[in-house]
Amino acid sequence: MKQKIFRAIIGVVVFLTLYGLREHLQHGGKSSPAKLSEIGAMLYLEGNYDEAVVYLKKAAEQGDSQAQCFLGLCYRNGNGIEKNDSIGVEWYKKAAAQGDSVAQYNLSNYYLSRNDSTEAIKWLLEAANDNMSEAQYRMGLFCQYGYGIIVPQDSSSAVMWYMKAAEQGHTKAQYSIGMNKGLNATQCSGD
């Protein structure tokens, strides 16, 4: 019962915050790119894609990397705007150039889907090195099993990536360390 009340209160707070920000902007108020991005992201997560795109475009054009990443997602999926992979990828690249690890990971997925292993691994490594646990876990998988000639099979590198992800609470990485018969206790303890 307490959880339901808490969720209801959070929902009301988010609604009022979002409503207040919209009203402020509609009546001539100026907002920073970060605030516009925040509004756009909330609208996107609510499923209000058409309105989200309006805010995300404003913030993205002013250089906000989160907005650029979300706008890339909108273009790639056709959410609130006409689907266009090439424009979506360009927005991802702008965000990735600013160190946005989600955009880097999304670029990796894009290039994997296009069978461009070199670009896919390049962007996956960027995201993993920026401490994104999902990218670190995937690098662990690629190292454990090998990924063509781009990533050779290497259990010690797999352990390193799994450990980095596991230390951030990534449960699949923790499971991989615990269940993989090819990894010994010394490697897993870091000794």
N, C-alpha and C. Protein backbone atom coordinates (compact mmCIF):
# COMPACT_ATOMS: atom_id res chain seq x y z
N MET A 1 0.82 -1.19 0.00
CA MET A 1 0.00 0.00 0.00
C MET A 1 0.87 1.27 0.00
N LYS A 2 1.93 1.24 0.81
CA LYS A 2 2.82 2.39 0.88
C LYS A 2 3.50 2.64 -0.46
N GLN A 3 3.84 1.53 -1.17
CA GLN A 3 4.47 1.69 -2.49
C GLN A 3 3.53 2.36 -3.47
N LYS A 4 2.25 2.00 -3.44
CA LYS A 4 1.28 2.60 -4.34
C LYS A 4 1.13 4.09 -4.06
N ILE A 5 1.10 4.45 -2.79
CA ILE A 5 0.98 5.86 -2.42
C ILE A 5 2.22 6.61 -2.88
N PHE A 6 3.40 6.01 -2.64
CA PHE A 6 4.66 6.63 -3.04
C PHE A 6 4.69 6.84 -4.54
N ARG A 7 4.31 5.83 -5.31
CA ARG A 7 4.30 5.95 -6.77
C ARG A 7 3.32 7.03 -7.23
N ALA A 8 2.18 7.12 -6.57
CA ALA A 8 1.19 8.14 -6.92
C ALA A 8 1.75 9.53 -6.65
N ILE A 9 2.42 9.69 -5.52
CA ILE A 9 3.01 10.99 -5.18
C ILE A 9 4.08 11.36 -6.19
N ILE A 10 4.95 10.40 -6.53
CA ILE A 10 6.00 10.65 -7.53
C ILE A 10 5.37 11.04 -8.86
N GLY A 11 4.33 10.33 -9.27
CA GLY A 11 3.64 10.65 -10.52
C GLY A 11 3.09 12.06 -10.54
N VAL A 12 2.51 12.49 -9.42
CA VAL A 12 1.96 13.84 -9.31
C VAL A 12 3.08 14.88 -9.38
N VAL A 13 4.18 14.62 -8.68
CA VAL A 13 5.32 15.55 -8.69
C VAL A 13 5.88 15.69 -10.10
N VAL A 14 6.07 14.56 -10.79
CA VAL A 14 6.59 14.60 -12.16
C VAL A 14 5.63 15.36 -13.06
N PHE A 15 4.34 15.09 -12.92
CA PHE A 15 3.35 15.77 -13.75
C PHE A 15 3.38 17.27 -13.50
N LEU A 16 3.36 17.68 -12.23
CA LEU A 16 3.35 19.10 -11.91
C LEU A 16 4.63 19.79 -12.37
N THR A 17 5.75 19.12 -12.20
CA THR A 17 7.02 19.68 -12.65
C THR A 17 7.00 19.87 -14.15
N LEU A 18 6.61 18.84 -14.86
CA LEU A 18 6.57 18.90 -16.31
C LEU A 18 5.55 19.94 -16.78
N TYR A 19 4.38 19.97 -16.15
CA TYR A 19 3.34 20.93 -16.52
C TYR A 19 3.83 22.35 -16.27
N GLY A 20 4.46 22.58 -15.11
CA GLY A 20 4.98 23.91 -14.78
C GLY A 20 6.04 24.36 -15.76
N LEU A 21 6.94 23.45 -16.15
CA LEU A 21 7.98 23.80 -17.11
C LEU A 21 7.39 24.12 -18.47
N ARG A 22 6.39 23.35 -18.89
CA ARG A 22 5.74 23.61 -20.17
C ARG A 22 5.07 24.98 -20.16
N GLU A 23 4.34 25.26 -19.09
CA GLU A 23 3.66 26.55 -18.97
C GLU A 23 4.67 27.70 -19.01
N HIS A 24 5.75 27.56 -18.29
CA HIS A 24 6.80 28.58 -18.25
C HIS A 24 7.32 28.85 -19.66
N LEU A 25 7.61 27.78 -20.40
CA LEU A 25 8.15 27.93 -21.75
C LEU A 25 7.11 28.48 -22.73
N GLN A 26 5.86 28.07 -22.56
CA GLN A 26 4.81 28.54 -23.48
C GLN A 26 4.49 30.02 -23.28
N HIS A 27 4.85 30.54 -22.13
CA HIS A 27 4.58 31.96 -21.86
C HIS A 27 5.84 32.80 -21.96
N GLY A 28 6.75 32.41 -22.83
CA GLY A 28 7.91 33.22 -23.13
C GLY A 28 9.12 32.99 -22.26
N GLY A 29 9.03 32.08 -21.31
CA GLY A 29 10.18 31.80 -20.45
C GLY A 29 11.29 31.13 -21.24
N LYS A 30 12.51 31.47 -20.92
CA LYS A 30 13.66 30.85 -21.58
C LYS A 30 14.19 29.75 -20.68
N SER A 31 14.68 28.72 -21.29
CA SER A 31 15.28 27.62 -20.53
C SER A 31 16.60 27.23 -21.14
N SER A 32 17.44 26.68 -20.31
CA SER A 32 18.75 26.21 -20.77
C SER A 32 18.57 24.96 -21.62
N PRO A 33 19.58 24.64 -22.42
CA PRO A 33 19.51 23.40 -23.20
C PRO A 33 19.31 22.17 -22.30
N ALA A 34 19.95 22.17 -21.13
CA ALA A 34 19.81 21.04 -20.22
C ALA A 34 18.36 20.89 -19.74
N LYS A 35 17.69 22.00 -19.46
CA LYS A 35 16.30 21.96 -19.00
C LYS A 35 15.39 21.51 -20.14
N LEU A 36 15.63 22.04 -21.34
CA LEU A 36 14.86 21.61 -22.51
C LEU A 36 15.04 20.12 -22.75
N SER A 37 16.27 19.64 -22.60
CA SER A 37 16.56 18.23 -22.78
C SER A 37 15.83 17.39 -21.73
N GLU A 38 15.83 17.87 -20.50
CA GLU A 38 15.14 17.16 -19.42
C GLU A 38 13.64 17.03 -19.71
N ILE A 39 13.04 18.12 -20.16
CA ILE A 39 11.61 18.09 -20.51
C ILE A 39 11.39 17.12 -21.67
N GLY A 40 12.21 17.22 -22.70
CA GLY A 40 12.09 16.33 -23.85
C GLY A 40 12.24 14.87 -23.46
N ALA A 41 13.20 14.58 -22.59
CA ALA A 41 13.42 13.20 -22.16
C ALA A 41 12.22 12.68 -21.38
N MET A 42 11.67 13.52 -20.48
CA MET A 42 10.49 13.09 -19.72
C MET A 42 9.31 12.82 -20.65
N LEU A 43 9.11 13.71 -21.62
CA LEU A 43 8.03 13.52 -22.57
C LEU A 43 8.25 12.25 -23.39
N TYR A 44 9.48 12.01 -23.80
CA TYR A 44 9.80 10.80 -24.56
C TYR A 44 9.47 9.56 -23.74
N LEU A 45 9.91 9.55 -22.49
CA LEU A 45 9.69 8.38 -21.63
C LEU A 45 8.21 8.18 -21.31
N GLU A 46 7.43 9.26 -21.37
CA GLU A 46 5.97 9.17 -21.21
C GLU A 46 5.30 8.64 -22.48
N GLY A 47 6.04 8.62 -23.59
CA GLY A 47 5.47 8.19 -24.86
C GLY A 47 4.86 9.33 -25.65
N ASN A 48 5.08 10.56 -25.21
CA ASN A 48 4.57 11.73 -25.91
C ASN A 48 5.65 12.21 -26.88
N TYR A 49 5.86 11.44 -27.93
CA TYR A 49 6.99 11.65 -28.83
C TYR A 49 6.91 12.94 -29.64
N ASP A 50 5.71 13.29 -30.11
CA ASP A 50 5.58 14.51 -30.92
C ASP A 50 6.04 15.74 -30.15
N GLU A 51 5.58 15.86 -28.92
CA GLU A 51 5.97 17.01 -28.11
C GLU A 51 7.44 16.89 -27.66
N ALA A 52 7.88 15.68 -27.40
CA ALA A 52 9.28 15.47 -26.98
C ALA A 52 10.24 15.97 -28.05
N VAL A 53 9.94 15.69 -29.30
CA VAL A 53 10.82 16.08 -30.40
C VAL A 53 11.01 17.59 -30.44
N VAL A 54 9.96 18.35 -30.14
CA VAL A 54 10.05 19.81 -30.15
C VAL A 54 11.13 20.28 -29.17
N TYR A 55 11.09 19.77 -27.95
CA TYR A 55 12.05 20.16 -26.92
C TYR A 55 13.45 19.60 -27.21
N LEU A 56 13.47 18.35 -27.65
CA LEU A 56 14.77 17.72 -27.93
C LEU A 56 15.50 18.42 -29.06
N LYS A 57 14.78 18.83 -30.10
CA LYS A 57 15.43 19.55 -31.22
C LYS A 57 16.05 20.85 -30.74
N LYS A 58 15.29 21.60 -29.93
CA LYS A 58 15.81 22.88 -29.42
C LYS A 58 17.09 22.65 -28.63
N ALA A 59 17.07 21.67 -27.74
CA ALA A 59 18.24 21.41 -26.90
C ALA A 59 19.39 20.83 -27.72
N ALA A 60 19.08 19.92 -28.64
CA ALA A 60 20.12 19.27 -29.46
C ALA A 60 20.83 20.30 -30.33
N GLU A 61 20.07 21.21 -30.91
CA GLU A 61 20.67 22.24 -31.77
C GLU A 61 21.56 23.20 -30.98
N GLN A 62 21.34 23.25 -29.65
CA GLN A 62 22.18 24.07 -28.78
C GLN A 62 23.33 23.26 -28.17
N GLY A 63 23.48 21.99 -28.61
CA GLY A 63 24.63 21.20 -28.23
C GLY A 63 24.47 20.28 -27.05
N ASP A 64 23.25 20.09 -26.54
CA ASP A 64 23.05 19.19 -25.40
C ASP A 64 23.16 17.73 -25.86
N SER A 65 24.13 17.00 -25.31
CA SER A 65 24.40 15.64 -25.79
C SER A 65 23.27 14.67 -25.47
N GLN A 66 22.61 14.81 -24.32
CA GLN A 66 21.50 13.91 -24.00
C GLN A 66 20.37 14.11 -25.01
N ALA A 67 20.08 15.36 -25.33
CA ALA A 67 19.02 15.65 -26.31
C ALA A 67 19.41 15.11 -27.68
N GLN A 68 20.69 15.25 -28.05
CA GLN A 68 21.15 14.73 -29.33
C GLN A 68 20.96 13.22 -29.40
N CYS A 69 21.27 12.54 -28.31
CA CYS A 69 21.11 11.08 -28.27
C CYS A 69 19.63 10.69 -28.38
N PHE A 70 18.77 11.35 -27.59
CA PHE A 70 17.33 11.06 -27.66
C PHE A 70 16.78 11.39 -29.04
N LEU A 71 17.22 12.50 -29.63
CA LEU A 71 16.74 12.87 -30.96
C LEU A 71 17.18 11.83 -32.00
N GLY A 72 18.40 11.33 -31.85
CA GLY A 72 18.85 10.25 -32.71
C GLY A 72 17.94 9.04 -32.61
N LEU A 73 17.55 8.73 -31.38
CA LEU A 73 16.64 7.60 -31.14
C LEU A 73 15.28 7.86 -31.80
N CYS A 74 14.80 9.09 -31.68
CA CYS A 74 13.52 9.44 -32.32
C CYS A 74 13.59 9.22 -33.83
N TYR A 75 14.64 9.72 -34.45
CA TYR A 75 14.80 9.54 -35.90
C TYR A 75 14.96 8.07 -36.27
N ARG A 76 15.76 7.33 -35.50
CA ARG A 76 15.99 5.92 -35.84
C ARG A 76 14.71 5.09 -35.74
N ASN A 77 13.85 5.42 -34.76
CA ASN A 77 12.64 4.63 -34.55
C ASN A 77 11.39 5.25 -35.15
N GLY A 78 11.52 6.48 -35.67
CA GLY A 78 10.33 7.16 -36.21
C GLY A 78 9.37 7.57 -35.11
N ASN A 79 9.87 7.94 -33.94
CA ASN A 79 9.03 8.37 -32.82
C ASN A 79 8.88 9.89 -32.84
N GLY A 80 7.70 10.36 -33.21
CA GLY A 80 7.43 11.78 -33.20
C GLY A 80 7.99 12.53 -34.39
N ILE A 81 8.61 11.81 -35.29
CA ILE A 81 9.24 12.41 -36.46
C ILE A 81 9.39 11.32 -37.52
N GLU A 82 9.51 11.72 -38.77
CA GLU A 82 9.66 10.72 -39.82
C GLU A 82 10.95 9.92 -39.63
N LYS A 83 10.84 8.60 -39.72
CA LYS A 83 11.99 7.71 -39.53
C LYS A 83 13.07 8.02 -40.57
N ASN A 84 14.30 8.18 -40.07
CA ASN A 84 15.42 8.46 -40.96
C ASN A 84 16.71 8.03 -40.25
N ASP A 85 17.21 6.84 -40.61
CA ASP A 85 18.40 6.29 -39.97
C ASP A 85 19.61 7.20 -40.08
N SER A 86 19.83 7.77 -41.26
CA SER A 86 21.06 8.55 -41.44
C SER A 86 21.06 9.81 -40.58
N ILE A 87 19.92 10.47 -40.45
CA ILE A 87 19.85 11.65 -39.57
C ILE A 87 19.99 11.21 -38.11
N GLY A 88 19.37 10.10 -37.76
CA GLY A 88 19.50 9.58 -36.39
C GLY A 88 20.94 9.28 -36.03
N VAL A 89 21.65 8.66 -36.94
CA VAL A 89 23.06 8.32 -36.70
C VAL A 89 23.90 9.60 -36.57
N GLU A 90 23.59 10.61 -37.37
CA GLU A 90 24.33 11.87 -37.26
C GLU A 90 24.15 12.50 -35.89
N TRP A 91 22.93 12.44 -35.35
CA TRP A 91 22.71 12.97 -34.00
C TRP A 91 23.46 12.12 -32.97
N TYR A 92 23.45 10.80 -33.13
CA TYR A 92 24.23 9.94 -32.22
C TYR A 92 25.71 10.35 -32.26
N LYS A 93 26.23 10.58 -33.46
CA LYS A 93 27.65 10.93 -33.59
C LYS A 93 27.97 12.25 -32.89
N LYS A 94 27.06 13.21 -32.99
CA LYS A 94 27.29 14.49 -32.30
C LYS A 94 27.34 14.28 -30.79
N ALA A 95 26.43 13.47 -30.27
CA ALA A 95 26.42 13.20 -28.83
C ALA A 95 27.64 12.37 -28.42
N ALA A 96 27.98 11.39 -29.24
CA ALA A 96 29.13 10.51 -28.94
C ALA A 96 30.43 11.31 -28.93
N ALA A 97 30.54 12.30 -29.80
CA ALA A 97 31.74 13.13 -29.85
C ALA A 97 31.93 13.93 -28.57
N GLN A 98 30.82 14.12 -27.83
CA GLN A 98 30.89 14.82 -26.54
C GLN A 98 31.06 13.85 -25.38
N GLY A 99 31.25 12.56 -25.70
CA GLY A 99 31.47 11.56 -24.66
C GLY A 99 30.21 10.92 -24.10
N ASP A 100 29.09 11.06 -24.79
CA ASP A 100 27.84 10.45 -24.33
C ASP A 100 27.91 8.94 -24.56
N SER A 101 28.02 8.18 -23.47
CA SER A 101 28.21 6.73 -23.60
C SER A 101 26.98 6.01 -24.16
N VAL A 102 25.79 6.54 -23.91
CA VAL A 102 24.58 5.92 -24.48
C VAL A 102 24.61 6.07 -26.00
N ALA A 103 24.98 7.24 -26.48
CA ALA A 103 25.09 7.44 -27.93
C ALA A 103 26.16 6.55 -28.53
N GLN A 104 27.28 6.40 -27.82
CA GLN A 104 28.36 5.52 -28.30
C GLN A 104 27.85 4.07 -28.39
N TYR A 105 27.12 3.64 -27.38
CA TYR A 105 26.58 2.28 -27.36
C TYR A 105 25.54 2.12 -28.48
N ASN A 106 24.71 3.13 -28.67
CA ASN A 106 23.71 3.07 -29.75
C ASN A 106 24.38 3.00 -31.12
N LEU A 107 25.48 3.73 -31.29
CA LEU A 107 26.23 3.65 -32.55
C LEU A 107 26.79 2.24 -32.74
N SER A 108 27.29 1.66 -31.68
CA SER A 108 27.79 0.29 -31.76
C SER A 108 26.70 -0.66 -32.24
N ASN A 109 25.52 -0.54 -31.64
CA ASN A 109 24.40 -1.39 -32.05
C ASN A 109 24.01 -1.15 -33.51
N TYR A 110 24.03 0.11 -33.92
CA TYR A 110 23.71 0.44 -35.30
C TYR A 110 24.70 -0.25 -36.24
N TYR A 111 25.99 -0.11 -35.97
CA TYR A 111 26.99 -0.71 -36.86
C TYR A 111 26.99 -2.23 -36.78
N LEU A 112 26.67 -2.80 -35.62
CA LEU A 112 26.53 -4.26 -35.55
C LEU A 112 25.40 -4.72 -36.46
N SER A 113 24.29 -3.98 -36.47
CA SER A 113 23.15 -4.36 -37.32
C SER A 113 23.48 -4.21 -38.80
N ARG A 114 24.51 -3.43 -39.13
CA ARG A 114 24.94 -3.23 -40.51
C ARG A 114 26.15 -4.10 -40.87
N ASN A 115 26.53 -4.98 -39.94
CA ASN A 115 27.68 -5.87 -40.11
C ASN A 115 28.99 -5.12 -40.34
N ASP A 116 29.11 -3.95 -39.75
CA ASP A 116 30.35 -3.18 -39.81
C ASP A 116 31.06 -3.37 -38.46
N SER A 117 31.79 -4.48 -38.36
CA SER A 117 32.42 -4.86 -37.10
C SER A 117 33.42 -3.84 -36.59
N THR A 118 34.19 -3.27 -37.48
CA THR A 118 35.22 -2.32 -37.06
C THR A 118 34.60 -1.11 -36.36
N GLU A 119 33.61 -0.50 -36.98
CA GLU A 119 32.95 0.66 -36.36
C GLU A 119 32.18 0.25 -35.10
N ALA A 120 31.55 -0.93 -35.13
CA ALA A 120 30.79 -1.39 -33.98
C ALA A 120 31.68 -1.54 -32.75
N ILE A 121 32.83 -2.16 -32.92
CA ILE A 121 33.75 -2.37 -31.80
C ILE A 121 34.37 -1.05 -31.36
N LYS A 122 34.67 -0.20 -32.30
CA LYS A 122 35.23 1.12 -31.97
C LYS A 122 34.30 1.86 -31.00
N TRP A 123 33.00 1.92 -31.33
CA TRP A 123 32.06 2.64 -30.49
C TRP A 123 31.75 1.88 -29.20
N LEU A 124 31.75 0.56 -29.27
CA LEU A 124 31.52 -0.23 -28.05
C LEU A 124 32.65 -0.01 -27.06
N LEU A 125 33.88 0.02 -27.55
CA LEU A 125 35.03 0.28 -26.68
C LEU A 125 34.96 1.68 -26.07
N GLU A 126 34.52 2.66 -26.86
CA GLU A 126 34.36 4.02 -26.32
C GLU A 126 33.39 4.01 -25.14
N ALA A 127 32.24 3.36 -25.33
CA ALA A 127 31.24 3.31 -24.26
C ALA A 127 31.75 2.52 -23.06
N ALA A 128 32.43 1.40 -23.32
CA ALA A 128 32.98 0.58 -22.22
C ALA A 128 34.04 1.36 -21.45
N ASN A 129 34.90 2.07 -22.16
CA ASN A 129 35.94 2.86 -21.50
C ASN A 129 35.36 4.07 -20.77
N ASP A 130 34.15 4.48 -21.15
CA ASP A 130 33.46 5.55 -20.44
C ASP A 130 32.65 5.00 -19.26
N ASN A 131 32.89 3.74 -18.94
CA ASN A 131 32.33 3.10 -17.74
C ASN A 131 30.86 2.71 -17.87
N MET A 132 30.37 2.47 -19.07
CA MET A 132 29.01 1.98 -19.24
C MET A 132 29.01 0.47 -19.03
N SER A 133 28.31 0.02 -18.00
CA SER A 133 28.38 -1.39 -17.61
C SER A 133 27.86 -2.33 -18.70
N GLU A 134 26.82 -1.97 -19.41
CA GLU A 134 26.30 -2.84 -20.47
C GLU A 134 27.33 -3.02 -21.60
N ALA A 135 28.04 -1.95 -21.93
CA ALA A 135 29.09 -2.03 -22.96
C ALA A 135 30.25 -2.89 -22.45
N GLN A 136 30.58 -2.76 -21.18
CA GLN A 136 31.65 -3.58 -20.60
C GLN A 136 31.26 -5.06 -20.62
N TYR A 137 30.02 -5.34 -20.28
CA TYR A 137 29.53 -6.72 -20.32
C TYR A 137 29.61 -7.29 -21.74
N ARG A 138 29.16 -6.50 -22.71
CA ARG A 138 29.21 -6.97 -24.10
C ARG A 138 30.64 -7.19 -24.56
N MET A 139 31.57 -6.30 -24.15
CA MET A 139 32.98 -6.51 -24.48
C MET A 139 33.47 -7.82 -23.86
N GLY A 140 33.01 -8.11 -22.64
CA GLY A 140 33.36 -9.38 -22.00
C GLY A 140 32.89 -10.56 -22.84
N LEU A 141 31.68 -10.48 -23.34
CA LEU A 141 31.15 -11.55 -24.21
C LEU A 141 31.98 -11.71 -25.47
N PHE A 142 32.29 -10.57 -26.11
CA PHE A 142 33.07 -10.63 -27.34
C PHE A 142 34.46 -11.22 -27.08
N CYS A 143 35.06 -10.85 -25.96
CA CYS A 143 36.38 -11.40 -25.64
C CYS A 143 36.29 -12.89 -25.26
N GLN A 144 35.26 -13.25 -24.54
CA GLN A 144 35.11 -14.65 -24.12
C GLN A 144 34.94 -15.58 -25.32
N TYR A 145 34.10 -15.18 -26.26
CA TYR A 145 33.78 -16.05 -27.38
C TYR A 145 34.51 -15.67 -28.67
N GLY A 146 35.12 -14.50 -28.69
CA GLY A 146 35.75 -14.01 -29.91
C GLY A 146 34.71 -13.39 -30.81
N TYR A 147 35.13 -12.42 -31.56
CA TYR A 147 34.24 -11.76 -32.51
C TYR A 147 34.99 -11.56 -33.80
N GLY A 148 34.98 -12.58 -34.63
CA GLY A 148 35.69 -12.54 -35.91
C GLY A 148 37.17 -12.26 -35.70
N ILE A 149 37.75 -11.55 -36.63
CA ILE A 149 39.16 -11.21 -36.50
C ILE A 149 39.36 -9.91 -35.73
N ILE A 150 38.26 -9.20 -35.47
CA ILE A 150 38.32 -7.91 -34.78
C ILE A 150 38.64 -8.10 -33.29
N VAL A 151 37.96 -9.04 -32.65
CA VAL A 151 38.18 -9.30 -31.22
C VAL A 151 38.53 -10.79 -31.07
N PRO A 152 39.80 -11.09 -30.82
CA PRO A 152 40.18 -12.49 -30.64
C PRO A 152 39.67 -13.02 -29.30
N GLN A 153 39.47 -14.33 -29.25
CA GLN A 153 39.05 -14.96 -28.01
C GLN A 153 40.16 -14.81 -26.98
N ASP A 154 39.82 -14.26 -25.82
CA ASP A 154 40.82 -13.96 -24.80
C ASP A 154 40.13 -13.95 -23.44
N SER A 155 40.28 -15.04 -22.68
CA SER A 155 39.56 -15.16 -21.41
C SER A 155 40.01 -14.14 -20.37
N SER A 156 41.28 -13.75 -20.36
CA SER A 156 41.71 -12.77 -19.36
C SER A 156 41.09 -11.39 -19.65
N SER A 157 40.97 -11.03 -20.92
CA SER A 157 40.29 -9.77 -21.25
C SER A 157 38.80 -9.87 -20.93
N ALA A 158 38.22 -11.04 -21.17
CA ALA A 158 36.80 -11.23 -20.83
C ALA A 158 36.58 -11.01 -19.34
N VAL A 159 37.46 -11.58 -18.52
CA VAL A 159 37.34 -11.43 -17.07
C VAL A 159 37.45 -9.95 -16.68
N MET A 160 38.41 -9.25 -17.29
CA MET A 160 38.59 -7.84 -16.98
C MET A 160 37.30 -7.05 -17.25
N TRP A 161 36.69 -7.26 -18.42
CA TRP A 161 35.47 -6.52 -18.77
C TRP A 161 34.30 -6.95 -17.89
N TYR A 162 34.17 -8.26 -17.64
CA TYR A 162 33.10 -8.72 -16.76
C TYR A 162 33.24 -8.11 -15.37
N MET A 163 34.46 -8.06 -14.87
CA MET A 163 34.70 -7.51 -13.53
C MET A 163 34.32 -6.03 -13.48
N LYS A 164 34.68 -5.28 -14.49
CA LYS A 164 34.33 -3.85 -14.52
C LYS A 164 32.82 -3.67 -14.48
N ALA A 165 32.11 -4.47 -15.28
CA ALA A 165 30.65 -4.37 -15.29
C ALA A 165 30.06 -4.87 -13.98
N ALA A 166 30.58 -5.98 -13.46
CA ALA A 166 30.07 -6.57 -12.23
C ALA A 166 30.24 -5.62 -11.04
N GLU A 167 31.35 -4.89 -11.02
CA GLU A 167 31.59 -3.94 -9.93
C GLU A 167 30.56 -2.81 -9.91
N GLN A 168 29.90 -2.61 -11.02
CA GLN A 168 28.83 -1.60 -11.10
C GLN A 168 27.45 -2.21 -10.87
N GLY A 169 27.43 -3.50 -10.50
CA GLY A 169 26.16 -4.15 -10.21
C GLY A 169 25.50 -4.81 -11.40
N HIS A 170 26.20 -4.98 -12.50
CA HIS A 170 25.62 -5.62 -13.69
C HIS A 170 25.46 -7.11 -13.40
N THR A 171 24.22 -7.56 -13.25
CA THR A 171 23.97 -8.93 -12.79
C THR A 171 24.38 -9.99 -13.81
N LYS A 172 24.22 -9.72 -15.09
CA LYS A 172 24.64 -10.71 -16.09
C LYS A 172 26.15 -10.89 -16.07
N ALA A 173 26.89 -9.82 -15.83
CA ALA A 173 28.35 -9.92 -15.73
C ALA A 173 28.72 -10.71 -14.48
N GLN A 174 28.01 -10.46 -13.38
CA GLN A 174 28.27 -11.20 -12.15
C GLN A 174 28.00 -12.69 -12.37
N TYR A 175 26.91 -12.99 -13.05
CA TYR A 175 26.56 -14.37 -13.36
C TYR A 175 27.63 -15.01 -14.25
N SER A 176 28.08 -14.27 -15.26
CA SER A 176 29.10 -14.80 -16.18
C SER A 176 30.37 -15.15 -15.43
N ILE A 177 30.75 -14.32 -14.49
CA ILE A 177 31.95 -14.61 -13.69
C ILE A 177 31.72 -15.84 -12.83
N GLY A 178 30.56 -15.89 -12.19
CA GLY A 178 30.27 -16.99 -11.26
C GLY A 178 30.05 -18.33 -11.94
N MET A 179 29.49 -18.32 -13.13
CA MET A 179 29.10 -19.57 -13.78
C MET A 179 30.05 -20.06 -14.86
N ASN A 180 30.94 -19.22 -15.33
CA ASN A 180 31.79 -19.61 -16.43
C ASN A 180 32.89 -20.55 -15.95
N LYS A 181 32.84 -21.78 -16.41
CA LYS A 181 33.83 -22.78 -15.99
C LYS A 181 35.24 -22.47 -16.48
N GLY A 182 35.36 -21.63 -17.52
CA GLY A 182 36.66 -21.30 -18.06
C GLY A 182 37.40 -20.21 -17.27
N LEU A 183 36.71 -19.62 -16.31
CA LEU A 183 37.32 -18.56 -15.51
C LEU A 183 37.68 -19.14 -14.15
N ASN A 184 38.93 -19.00 -13.73
CA ASN A 184 39.28 -19.57 -12.43
C ASN A 184 39.17 -18.54 -11.32
N ALA A 185 39.20 -18.98 -10.10
CA ALA A 185 38.99 -18.11 -8.95
C ALA A 185 40.06 -17.03 -8.86
N THR A 186 41.28 -17.32 -9.25
CA THR A 186 42.34 -16.32 -9.18
C THR A 186 42.03 -15.16 -10.12
N GLN A 187 41.58 -15.47 -11.34
CA GLN A 187 41.25 -14.42 -12.30
C GLN A 187 40.09 -13.57 -11.75
N CYS A 188 39.09 -14.22 -11.17
CA CYS A 188 37.92 -13.50 -10.72
C CYS A 188 38.20 -12.65 -9.49
N SER A 189 39.14 -13.05 -8.66
CA SER A 189 39.42 -12.25 -7.46
C SER A 189 40.32 -11.06 -7.76
N GLY A 190 40.92 -11.03 -8.94
CA GLY A 190 41.79 -9.93 -9.32
C GLY A 190 43.23 -10.13 -8.86
N ASP A 191 43.52 -11.28 -8.26
CA ASP A 191 44.90 -11.57 -7.80
C ASP A 191 45.82 -11.91 -8.94
